[in-house]
């Protein structure tokens, strides 16, 4: 598979962000704010009560992930 460098860099940023969010989000139905590991700005994440999936967003990095 041939992935361009910009796509690879974006994927790596997303992976760093979800790893940090998973470590922080322990309780479902609660919003957590934490420092984005990519840009140092505020990111937000939460855990869904129905399936324990993580939803997260960093506005500065323009990354939003729904597990």
N, C-alpha and C. Protein backbone atom coordinates (compact mmCIF):
# COMPACT_ATOMS: atom_id res chain seq x y z
N UNK A 1 0.85 -1.17 0.00
CA UNK A 1 0.00 0.00 0.00
C UNK A 1 0.90 1.24 0.00
N UNK A 2 0.53 2.21 -0.80
CA UNK A 2 1.31 3.43 -0.93
C UNK A 2 0.51 4.59 -0.32
N UNK A 3 0.95 5.09 0.83
CA UNK A 3 0.27 6.17 1.53
C UNK A 3 1.14 7.42 1.45
N UNK A 4 0.54 8.55 1.05
CA UNK A 4 1.32 9.78 0.98
C UNK A 4 1.66 10.26 2.39
N UNK A 5 2.67 11.09 2.49
CA UNK A 5 3.20 11.53 3.78
C UNK A 5 2.19 12.33 4.59
N UNK A 6 1.38 13.14 3.95
CA UNK A 6 0.38 13.95 4.66
C UNK A 6 -0.67 13.05 5.32
N UNK A 7 -1.13 12.04 4.60
CA UNK A 7 -2.11 11.10 5.15
C UNK A 7 -1.50 10.33 6.32
N UNK A 8 -0.26 9.90 6.17
CA UNK A 8 0.42 9.17 7.24
C UNK A 8 0.57 10.04 8.48
N UNK A 9 0.95 11.30 8.31
CA UNK A 9 1.12 12.21 9.44
C UNK A 9 -0.22 12.45 10.16
N UNK A 10 -1.30 12.60 9.39
CA UNK A 10 -2.63 12.80 9.99
C UNK A 10 -3.05 11.56 10.77
N UNK A 11 -2.81 10.39 10.23
CA UNK A 11 -3.15 9.14 10.93
C UNK A 11 -2.36 9.02 12.23
N UNK A 12 -1.09 9.37 12.19
CA UNK A 12 -0.26 9.29 13.40
C UNK A 12 -0.76 10.26 14.47
N UNK A 13 -1.20 11.45 14.07
CA UNK A 13 -1.77 12.41 15.02
C UNK A 13 -3.04 11.84 15.66
N UNK A 14 -3.88 11.22 14.85
CA UNK A 14 -5.10 10.61 15.36
C UNK A 14 -4.82 9.48 16.35
N UNK A 15 -3.82 8.68 16.06
CA UNK A 15 -3.45 7.58 16.95
C UNK A 15 -2.95 8.11 18.28
N UNK A 16 -2.11 9.14 18.26
CA UNK A 16 -1.62 9.74 19.52
C UNK A 16 -2.79 10.29 20.34
N UNK A 17 -3.73 10.93 19.65
CA UNK A 17 -4.87 11.54 20.34
C UNK A 17 -5.78 10.47 20.95
N UNK A 18 -6.07 9.41 20.22
CA UNK A 18 -6.96 8.39 20.77
C UNK A 18 -6.29 7.62 21.90
N UNK A 19 -5.00 7.41 21.83
CA UNK A 19 -4.30 6.74 22.93
C UNK A 19 -4.41 7.55 24.21
N UNK A 20 -4.22 8.86 24.10
CA UNK A 20 -4.32 9.70 25.29
C UNK A 20 -5.75 9.73 25.81
N UNK A 21 -6.73 9.84 24.91
CA UNK A 21 -8.13 9.87 25.33
C UNK A 21 -8.53 8.57 26.01
N UNK A 22 -8.09 7.44 25.48
CA UNK A 22 -8.43 6.15 26.10
C UNK A 22 -7.85 6.03 27.50
N UNK A 23 -6.69 6.60 27.72
CA UNK A 23 -6.07 6.54 29.04
C UNK A 23 -6.81 7.43 30.05
N UNK A 24 -7.44 8.49 29.56
CA UNK A 24 -8.09 9.46 30.44
C UNK A 24 -9.57 9.13 30.68
N UNK A 25 -10.27 8.67 29.68
CA UNK A 25 -11.72 8.44 29.79
C UNK A 25 -12.00 7.13 30.52
N UNK A 26 -12.32 7.23 31.79
CA UNK A 26 -12.59 6.04 32.59
C UNK A 26 -14.07 5.84 32.86
N UNK A 27 -14.83 6.93 32.93
CA UNK A 27 -16.25 6.87 33.25
C UNK A 27 -17.09 7.27 32.04
N UNK A 28 -18.13 6.48 31.77
CA UNK A 28 -19.02 6.79 30.64
C UNK A 28 -19.89 8.00 30.97
N UNK A 29 -20.39 8.64 29.92
CA UNK A 29 -21.28 9.80 30.02
C UNK A 29 -20.65 10.98 30.75
N UNK A 30 -19.37 11.15 30.59
CA UNK A 30 -18.65 12.28 31.18
C UNK A 30 -17.71 12.83 30.12
N UNK A 31 -17.66 14.16 30.01
CA UNK A 31 -16.74 14.80 29.07
C UNK A 31 -15.44 15.13 29.79
N UNK A 32 -14.35 14.76 29.18
CA UNK A 32 -13.03 15.02 29.73
C UNK A 32 -12.31 16.03 28.84
N UNK A 33 -11.62 16.96 29.45
CA UNK A 33 -10.76 17.90 28.72
C UNK A 33 -9.33 17.58 29.08
N UNK A 34 -8.48 17.60 28.07
CA UNK A 34 -7.07 17.28 28.29
C UNK A 34 -6.22 17.97 27.23
N UNK A 35 -4.93 17.99 27.46
CA UNK A 35 -4.01 18.62 26.51
C UNK A 35 -3.77 17.68 25.33
N UNK A 36 -3.99 18.20 24.14
CA UNK A 36 -3.75 17.42 22.93
C UNK A 36 -2.25 17.11 22.83
N UNK A 37 -1.89 15.85 22.61
CA UNK A 37 -0.48 15.49 22.51
C UNK A 37 0.18 16.00 21.23
N UNK A 38 -0.62 16.49 20.29
CA UNK A 38 -0.08 16.97 19.02
C UNK A 38 0.21 18.47 19.01
N UNK A 39 -0.72 19.25 19.57
CA UNK A 39 -0.59 20.71 19.46
C UNK A 39 -0.50 21.42 20.81
N UNK A 40 -0.83 20.71 21.89
CA UNK A 40 -0.77 21.32 23.22
C UNK A 40 -2.01 22.11 23.61
N UNK A 41 -2.99 22.20 22.72
CA UNK A 41 -4.23 22.90 23.02
C UNK A 41 -5.23 21.95 23.69
N UNK A 42 -6.40 22.49 24.03
CA UNK A 42 -7.42 21.70 24.71
C UNK A 42 -8.12 20.75 23.74
N UNK A 43 -8.23 19.49 24.14
CA UNK A 43 -9.00 18.50 23.41
C UNK A 43 -10.09 17.99 24.34
N UNK A 44 -11.15 17.43 23.77
CA UNK A 44 -12.25 16.90 24.57
C UNK A 44 -12.55 15.46 24.12
N UNK A 45 -12.94 14.65 25.10
CA UNK A 45 -13.29 13.27 24.79
C UNK A 45 -14.33 12.77 25.78
N UNK A 46 -15.04 11.74 25.38
CA UNK A 46 -16.01 11.10 26.25
C UNK A 46 -16.16 9.65 25.88
N UNK A 47 -16.73 8.89 26.80
CA UNK A 47 -16.96 7.47 26.58
C UNK A 47 -18.46 7.22 26.56
N UNK A 48 -18.92 6.54 25.53
CA UNK A 48 -20.34 6.22 25.40
C UNK A 48 -20.72 5.12 26.39
N UNK A 49 -21.87 5.25 27.02
CA UNK A 49 -22.30 4.25 27.99
C UNK A 49 -22.82 2.98 27.33
N UNK A 50 -23.30 3.09 26.12
CA UNK A 50 -23.91 1.93 25.46
C UNK A 50 -22.86 0.91 24.99
N UNK A 51 -21.66 1.39 24.61
CA UNK A 51 -20.66 0.46 24.07
C UNK A 51 -19.23 0.78 24.51
N UNK A 52 -19.08 1.77 25.37
CA UNK A 52 -17.76 2.20 25.87
C UNK A 52 -16.81 2.70 24.78
N UNK A 53 -17.34 3.09 23.64
CA UNK A 53 -16.49 3.65 22.60
C UNK A 53 -16.13 5.09 22.96
N UNK A 54 -14.96 5.52 22.52
CA UNK A 54 -14.46 6.86 22.78
C UNK A 54 -14.81 7.77 21.60
N UNK A 55 -15.29 8.97 21.92
CA UNK A 55 -15.52 10.03 20.92
C UNK A 55 -14.63 11.19 21.35
N UNK A 56 -13.89 11.76 20.41
CA UNK A 56 -12.95 12.82 20.80
C UNK A 56 -12.80 13.86 19.71
N UNK A 57 -12.28 15.03 20.13
CA UNK A 57 -12.09 16.14 19.18
C UNK A 57 -11.01 17.08 19.67
N UNK A 58 -10.16 17.51 18.73
CA UNK A 58 -9.25 18.63 18.94
C UNK A 58 -9.53 19.63 17.83
N UNK A 59 -10.04 20.80 18.20
CA UNK A 59 -10.39 21.80 17.20
C UNK A 59 -9.18 22.36 16.48
N UNK A 60 -8.09 22.57 17.20
CA UNK A 60 -6.92 23.16 16.55
C UNK A 60 -6.33 22.20 15.50
N UNK A 61 -6.25 20.92 15.83
CA UNK A 61 -5.72 19.94 14.88
C UNK A 61 -6.75 19.54 13.81
N UNK A 62 -8.01 19.93 14.07
CA UNK A 62 -9.12 19.56 13.19
C UNK A 62 -9.24 18.04 13.07
N UNK A 63 -9.12 17.37 14.23
CA UNK A 63 -9.26 15.92 14.28
C UNK A 63 -10.47 15.59 15.14
N UNK A 64 -11.33 14.75 14.61
CA UNK A 64 -12.50 14.28 15.32
C UNK A 64 -12.61 12.79 15.05
N UNK A 65 -12.73 12.00 16.14
CA UNK A 65 -12.77 10.55 15.99
C UNK A 65 -13.95 9.99 16.77
N UNK A 66 -14.70 9.12 16.14
CA UNK A 66 -15.75 8.35 16.81
C UNK A 66 -15.37 6.89 16.64
N UNK A 67 -15.06 6.24 17.75
CA UNK A 67 -14.59 4.88 17.71
C UNK A 67 -15.71 3.94 17.31
